[in-house]
N, C-alpha and C. Protein backbone atom coordinates (compact mmCIF):
# COMPACT_ATOMS: atom_id res chain seq x y z
N MET A 1 0.82 -1.19 0.00
CA MET A 1 0.00 0.00 0.00
C MET A 1 0.86 1.26 0.00
N ASP A 2 2.13 1.10 -0.32
CA ASP A 2 3.04 2.24 -0.35
C ASP A 2 2.71 3.23 -1.46
N SER A 3 2.03 2.79 -2.49
CA SER A 3 1.74 3.67 -3.63
C SER A 3 0.77 4.79 -3.26
N TYR A 4 0.12 4.68 -2.12
CA TYR A 4 -0.88 5.67 -1.76
C TYR A 4 -0.31 6.93 -1.12
N GLY A 5 0.77 6.82 -0.38
CA GLY A 5 1.32 8.02 0.25
C GLY A 5 0.29 8.67 1.16
N ASN A 6 0.30 9.99 1.25
CA ASN A 6 -0.65 10.71 2.09
C ASN A 6 -1.10 11.98 1.39
N PRO A 7 -2.10 11.90 0.48
CA PRO A 7 -2.54 13.10 -0.25
C PRO A 7 -3.58 13.91 0.51
N ASN A 8 -3.22 14.43 1.67
CA ASN A 8 -4.08 15.32 2.45
C ASN A 8 -5.37 14.67 2.93
N GLY A 9 -5.47 13.34 2.91
CA GLY A 9 -6.62 12.64 3.47
C GLY A 9 -7.95 12.96 2.82
N ILE A 10 -7.97 13.26 1.52
CA ILE A 10 -9.23 13.57 0.87
C ILE A 10 -10.13 12.35 0.85
N GLY A 11 -11.44 12.57 0.95
CA GLY A 11 -12.40 11.48 1.09
C GLY A 11 -12.39 10.48 -0.04
N LEU A 12 -12.38 10.95 -1.28
CA LEU A 12 -12.41 10.03 -2.41
C LEU A 12 -11.16 9.16 -2.41
N HIS A 13 -10.03 9.77 -2.13
CA HIS A 13 -8.77 9.03 -2.08
C HIS A 13 -8.83 7.93 -1.01
N LEU A 14 -9.35 8.28 0.16
CA LEU A 14 -9.43 7.30 1.25
C LEU A 14 -10.38 6.16 0.91
N THR A 15 -11.43 6.45 0.14
CA THR A 15 -12.37 5.40 -0.26
C THR A 15 -11.71 4.43 -1.22
N PHE A 16 -10.97 4.94 -2.21
CA PHE A 16 -10.23 4.06 -3.12
C PHE A 16 -9.18 3.25 -2.35
N LYS A 17 -8.52 3.88 -1.41
CA LYS A 17 -7.51 3.18 -0.61
C LYS A 17 -8.15 2.06 0.19
N ALA A 18 -9.31 2.31 0.78
CA ALA A 18 -10.01 1.28 1.54
C ALA A 18 -10.38 0.10 0.63
N ALA A 19 -10.85 0.38 -0.58
CA ALA A 19 -11.17 -0.70 -1.53
C ALA A 19 -9.92 -1.52 -1.84
N ALA A 20 -8.79 -0.83 -2.04
CA ALA A 20 -7.54 -1.54 -2.32
C ALA A 20 -7.12 -2.41 -1.14
N GLN A 21 -7.35 -1.92 0.08
CA GLN A 21 -7.01 -2.71 1.26
C GLN A 21 -7.91 -3.94 1.38
N TYR A 22 -9.21 -3.79 1.10
CA TYR A 22 -10.12 -4.95 1.10
C TYR A 22 -9.69 -5.97 0.05
N ILE A 23 -9.33 -5.48 -1.12
CA ILE A 23 -8.90 -6.39 -2.19
C ILE A 23 -7.64 -7.13 -1.76
N LYS A 24 -6.72 -6.43 -1.13
CA LYS A 24 -5.47 -7.05 -0.67
C LYS A 24 -5.75 -8.15 0.35
N ALA A 25 -6.79 -7.99 1.14
CA ALA A 25 -7.12 -8.97 2.18
C ALA A 25 -8.10 -10.04 1.69
N ARG A 26 -8.29 -10.17 0.39
CA ARG A 26 -9.30 -11.08 -0.16
C ARG A 26 -9.07 -12.54 0.25
N ASP A 27 -7.82 -12.99 0.26
CA ASP A 27 -7.55 -14.39 0.62
C ASP A 27 -7.90 -14.64 2.08
N MET A 28 -7.53 -13.72 2.95
CA MET A 28 -7.84 -13.85 4.37
C MET A 28 -9.35 -13.84 4.61
N ARG A 29 -10.08 -13.10 3.78
CA ARG A 29 -11.54 -13.02 3.91
C ARG A 29 -12.25 -14.11 3.12
N ASN A 30 -11.47 -14.91 2.37
CA ASN A 30 -12.00 -16.05 1.61
C ASN A 30 -13.06 -15.62 0.59
N VAL A 31 -12.71 -14.62 -0.25
CA VAL A 31 -13.61 -14.17 -1.31
C VAL A 31 -12.91 -14.29 -2.66
N ASP A 32 -13.68 -14.62 -3.67
CA ASP A 32 -13.15 -14.74 -5.03
C ASP A 32 -13.41 -13.50 -5.86
N ARG A 33 -14.54 -12.83 -5.62
CA ARG A 33 -14.88 -11.62 -6.38
C ARG A 33 -15.76 -10.74 -5.50
N GLU A 34 -15.65 -9.43 -5.77
CA GLU A 34 -16.43 -8.46 -5.00
C GLU A 34 -16.77 -7.27 -5.88
N ILE A 35 -17.70 -6.50 -5.39
CA ILE A 35 -18.08 -5.25 -6.04
C ILE A 35 -17.92 -4.13 -5.02
N PHE A 36 -17.25 -3.07 -5.43
CA PHE A 36 -17.10 -1.88 -4.60
C PHE A 36 -17.78 -0.72 -5.31
N TYR A 37 -18.55 0.03 -4.57
CA TYR A 37 -19.24 1.20 -5.10
C TYR A 37 -18.58 2.43 -4.50
N ILE A 38 -18.02 3.28 -5.34
CA ILE A 38 -17.37 4.50 -4.89
C ILE A 38 -18.04 5.68 -5.60
N GLU A 39 -18.43 6.67 -4.83
CA GLU A 39 -19.16 7.81 -5.38
C GLU A 39 -18.38 9.09 -5.17
N GLN A 40 -18.36 9.92 -6.19
CA GLN A 40 -17.77 11.25 -6.10
C GLN A 40 -18.87 12.26 -6.42
N GLY A 41 -19.23 13.06 -5.46
CA GLY A 41 -20.25 14.08 -5.69
C GLY A 41 -19.63 15.36 -6.20
N GLY A 42 -20.43 16.40 -6.26
CA GLY A 42 -19.94 17.71 -6.63
C GLY A 42 -20.02 18.04 -8.10
N TYR A 43 -20.85 17.32 -8.84
CA TYR A 43 -20.96 17.59 -10.27
C TYR A 43 -22.19 18.42 -10.63
N ASP A 44 -23.00 18.80 -9.67
CA ASP A 44 -24.19 19.61 -9.94
C ASP A 44 -23.80 21.08 -9.81
N MET A 45 -23.19 21.63 -10.84
CA MET A 45 -22.57 22.95 -10.78
C MET A 45 -23.33 24.00 -11.58
N HIS A 46 -24.37 24.51 -11.00
CA HIS A 46 -25.15 25.53 -11.69
C HIS A 46 -24.49 26.91 -11.60
N ARG A 47 -23.64 27.12 -10.61
CA ARG A 47 -23.10 28.47 -10.40
C ARG A 47 -21.65 28.63 -10.83
N GLU A 48 -20.86 27.59 -10.81
CA GLU A 48 -19.48 27.71 -11.25
C GLU A 48 -19.01 26.37 -11.79
N ASP A 49 -18.02 26.41 -12.61
CA ASP A 49 -17.53 25.20 -13.25
C ASP A 49 -16.33 24.65 -12.51
N LEU A 50 -16.54 23.58 -11.76
CA LEU A 50 -15.47 22.93 -11.01
C LEU A 50 -15.10 21.59 -11.63
N LEU A 51 -15.54 21.38 -12.86
CA LEU A 51 -15.38 20.09 -13.51
C LEU A 51 -13.93 19.65 -13.59
N SER A 52 -13.04 20.55 -13.99
CA SER A 52 -11.63 20.15 -14.12
C SER A 52 -11.04 19.74 -12.78
N GLY A 53 -11.46 20.39 -11.70
CA GLY A 53 -10.99 20.00 -10.37
C GLY A 53 -11.49 18.63 -9.98
N ASN A 54 -12.77 18.36 -10.26
CA ASN A 54 -13.33 17.03 -9.96
C ASN A 54 -12.64 15.95 -10.77
N PHE A 55 -12.44 16.22 -12.06
CA PHE A 55 -11.77 15.24 -12.91
C PHE A 55 -10.32 15.04 -12.46
N GLY A 56 -9.66 16.11 -12.04
CA GLY A 56 -8.29 16.00 -11.56
C GLY A 56 -8.19 15.13 -10.32
N GLU A 57 -9.12 15.33 -9.38
CA GLU A 57 -9.16 14.52 -8.16
C GLU A 57 -9.40 13.05 -8.50
N LEU A 58 -10.38 12.80 -9.38
CA LEU A 58 -10.68 11.43 -9.78
C LEU A 58 -9.50 10.78 -10.48
N ASN A 59 -8.86 11.52 -11.38
CA ASN A 59 -7.71 11.00 -12.10
C ASN A 59 -6.58 10.61 -11.14
N ASN A 60 -6.32 11.46 -10.16
CA ASN A 60 -5.27 11.19 -9.18
C ASN A 60 -5.61 9.94 -8.36
N CYS A 61 -6.86 9.82 -7.94
CA CYS A 61 -7.28 8.65 -7.17
C CYS A 61 -7.17 7.36 -7.99
N LEU A 62 -7.60 7.43 -9.24
CA LEU A 62 -7.49 6.25 -10.11
C LEU A 62 -6.03 5.88 -10.35
N LYS A 63 -5.18 6.87 -10.52
CA LYS A 63 -3.75 6.61 -10.74
C LYS A 63 -3.17 5.81 -9.58
N HIS A 64 -3.45 6.23 -8.35
CA HIS A 64 -2.94 5.52 -7.18
C HIS A 64 -3.56 4.12 -7.07
N PHE A 65 -4.85 4.01 -7.34
CA PHE A 65 -5.53 2.71 -7.26
C PHE A 65 -4.94 1.75 -8.29
N ILE A 66 -4.77 2.21 -9.51
CA ILE A 66 -4.22 1.36 -10.58
C ILE A 66 -2.81 0.92 -10.23
N THR A 67 -2.00 1.85 -9.72
CA THR A 67 -0.63 1.50 -9.31
C THR A 67 -0.65 0.41 -8.25
N GLU A 68 -1.54 0.55 -7.28
CA GLU A 68 -1.64 -0.46 -6.21
C GLU A 68 -2.10 -1.80 -6.76
N MET A 69 -3.08 -1.80 -7.66
CA MET A 69 -3.55 -3.07 -8.22
C MET A 69 -2.45 -3.74 -9.05
N LYS A 70 -1.64 -2.96 -9.73
CA LYS A 70 -0.51 -3.53 -10.48
C LYS A 70 0.54 -4.10 -9.52
N GLU A 71 0.78 -3.40 -8.40
CA GLU A 71 1.73 -3.91 -7.40
C GLU A 71 1.23 -5.21 -6.78
N GLN A 72 -0.09 -5.35 -6.66
CA GLN A 72 -0.67 -6.60 -6.14
C GLN A 72 -0.81 -7.65 -7.24
N ASP A 73 -0.39 -7.32 -8.46
CA ASP A 73 -0.49 -8.19 -9.63
C ASP A 73 -1.94 -8.60 -9.90
N LEU A 74 -2.84 -7.63 -9.74
CA LEU A 74 -4.28 -7.89 -9.92
C LEU A 74 -4.92 -7.02 -10.99
N TRP A 75 -4.16 -6.09 -11.56
CA TRP A 75 -4.77 -5.13 -12.48
C TRP A 75 -5.52 -5.80 -13.62
N ASP A 76 -5.02 -6.91 -14.13
CA ASP A 76 -5.69 -7.61 -15.24
C ASP A 76 -7.01 -8.26 -14.81
N ASN A 77 -7.30 -8.27 -13.51
CA ASN A 77 -8.53 -8.86 -12.99
C ASN A 77 -9.52 -7.81 -12.47
N ILE A 78 -9.23 -6.55 -12.72
CA ILE A 78 -10.05 -5.45 -12.20
C ILE A 78 -10.88 -4.84 -13.32
N VAL A 79 -12.14 -4.57 -13.04
CA VAL A 79 -13.02 -3.86 -13.97
C VAL A 79 -13.50 -2.60 -13.27
N ILE A 80 -13.36 -1.47 -13.93
CA ILE A 80 -13.85 -0.20 -13.39
C ILE A 80 -14.95 0.30 -14.32
N ILE A 81 -16.12 0.55 -13.76
CA ILE A 81 -17.25 1.08 -14.52
C ILE A 81 -17.58 2.44 -13.92
N MET A 82 -17.62 3.44 -14.77
CA MET A 82 -17.95 4.79 -14.31
C MET A 82 -19.22 5.24 -15.00
N GLY A 83 -20.10 5.86 -14.23
CA GLY A 83 -21.36 6.30 -14.81
C GLY A 83 -21.81 7.63 -14.25
N SER A 84 -22.72 8.25 -14.95
CA SER A 84 -23.33 9.51 -14.53
C SER A 84 -24.82 9.42 -14.79
N ASP A 85 -25.61 9.98 -13.88
CA ASP A 85 -27.06 9.90 -14.06
C ASP A 85 -27.61 11.03 -14.91
N PHE A 86 -26.82 12.03 -15.21
CA PHE A 86 -27.28 13.10 -16.10
C PHE A 86 -26.09 13.78 -16.76
N GLY A 87 -26.37 14.49 -17.83
CA GLY A 87 -25.32 15.19 -18.56
C GLY A 87 -25.30 16.66 -18.20
N ARG A 88 -24.36 17.36 -18.78
CA ARG A 88 -24.21 18.79 -18.57
C ARG A 88 -24.14 19.49 -19.91
N SER A 89 -24.66 20.72 -19.97
CA SER A 89 -24.58 21.50 -21.21
C SER A 89 -23.13 21.90 -21.46
N ILE A 90 -22.79 22.10 -22.72
CA ILE A 90 -21.43 22.48 -23.08
C ILE A 90 -21.20 23.96 -22.84
N THR A 91 -22.18 24.78 -23.17
CA THR A 91 -22.03 26.22 -22.99
C THR A 91 -22.41 26.62 -21.57
N PRO A 92 -21.69 27.56 -20.98
CA PRO A 92 -21.99 27.98 -19.61
C PRO A 92 -23.30 28.75 -19.53
N ASN A 93 -23.91 28.71 -18.34
CA ASN A 93 -25.11 29.50 -18.12
C ASN A 93 -24.73 30.89 -17.61
N ALA A 94 -25.69 31.71 -17.26
CA ALA A 94 -25.44 33.10 -16.84
C ALA A 94 -24.65 33.17 -15.53
N ASN A 95 -24.64 32.12 -14.74
CA ASN A 95 -23.93 32.10 -13.47
C ASN A 95 -22.52 31.53 -13.59
N GLY A 96 -22.09 31.20 -14.81
CA GLY A 96 -20.76 30.63 -15.01
C GLY A 96 -20.70 29.14 -14.80
N GLY A 97 -21.83 28.53 -14.52
CA GLY A 97 -21.89 27.08 -14.36
C GLY A 97 -22.47 26.44 -15.60
N THR A 98 -23.02 25.26 -15.45
CA THR A 98 -23.66 24.57 -16.57
C THR A 98 -25.01 24.06 -16.13
N ASP A 99 -25.85 23.80 -17.10
CA ASP A 99 -27.19 23.32 -16.82
C ASP A 99 -27.30 21.84 -17.18
N HIS A 100 -28.39 21.22 -16.71
CA HIS A 100 -28.62 19.82 -17.02
C HIS A 100 -28.81 19.65 -18.53
N ALA A 101 -28.32 18.54 -19.04
CA ALA A 101 -28.45 18.23 -20.46
C ALA A 101 -28.85 16.75 -20.58
N TRP A 102 -28.87 16.26 -21.80
CA TRP A 102 -29.30 14.90 -22.03
C TRP A 102 -28.20 13.90 -21.69
N GLY A 103 -28.65 12.76 -21.25
CA GLY A 103 -27.82 11.57 -21.21
C GLY A 103 -27.00 11.36 -19.96
N GLY A 104 -26.67 10.12 -19.79
CA GLY A 104 -25.70 9.72 -18.79
C GLY A 104 -24.51 9.14 -19.51
N ASN A 105 -23.40 9.16 -18.87
CA ASN A 105 -22.17 8.70 -19.50
C ASN A 105 -21.62 7.49 -18.76
N TYR A 106 -21.22 6.49 -19.49
CA TYR A 106 -20.68 5.28 -18.89
C TYR A 106 -19.38 4.93 -19.58
N LEU A 107 -18.35 4.67 -18.80
CA LEU A 107 -17.05 4.31 -19.33
C LEU A 107 -16.62 2.97 -18.77
């Protein structure tokens, strides 16, 4: 778990770290497969656009998680599904934020 370091104890980071710790303890817990649900809020931005900050935080958390899974030699056995329940408009609104748009996104 050395790949995690200490990035100011942010919540999303700690959640990914906890999932990595559970995965590392899978043999001791006698499990073959599991599902972890991790949520990042803060995407309902009607007044200002914080999207790049949210994506940056998520990218950093995924980078550490992927590094840890590779160190555990498990990366080829991991599936990450990302989804959104609604979309955002491309053009900003009068408040500098964005409005709801069509679709959800899944990666």
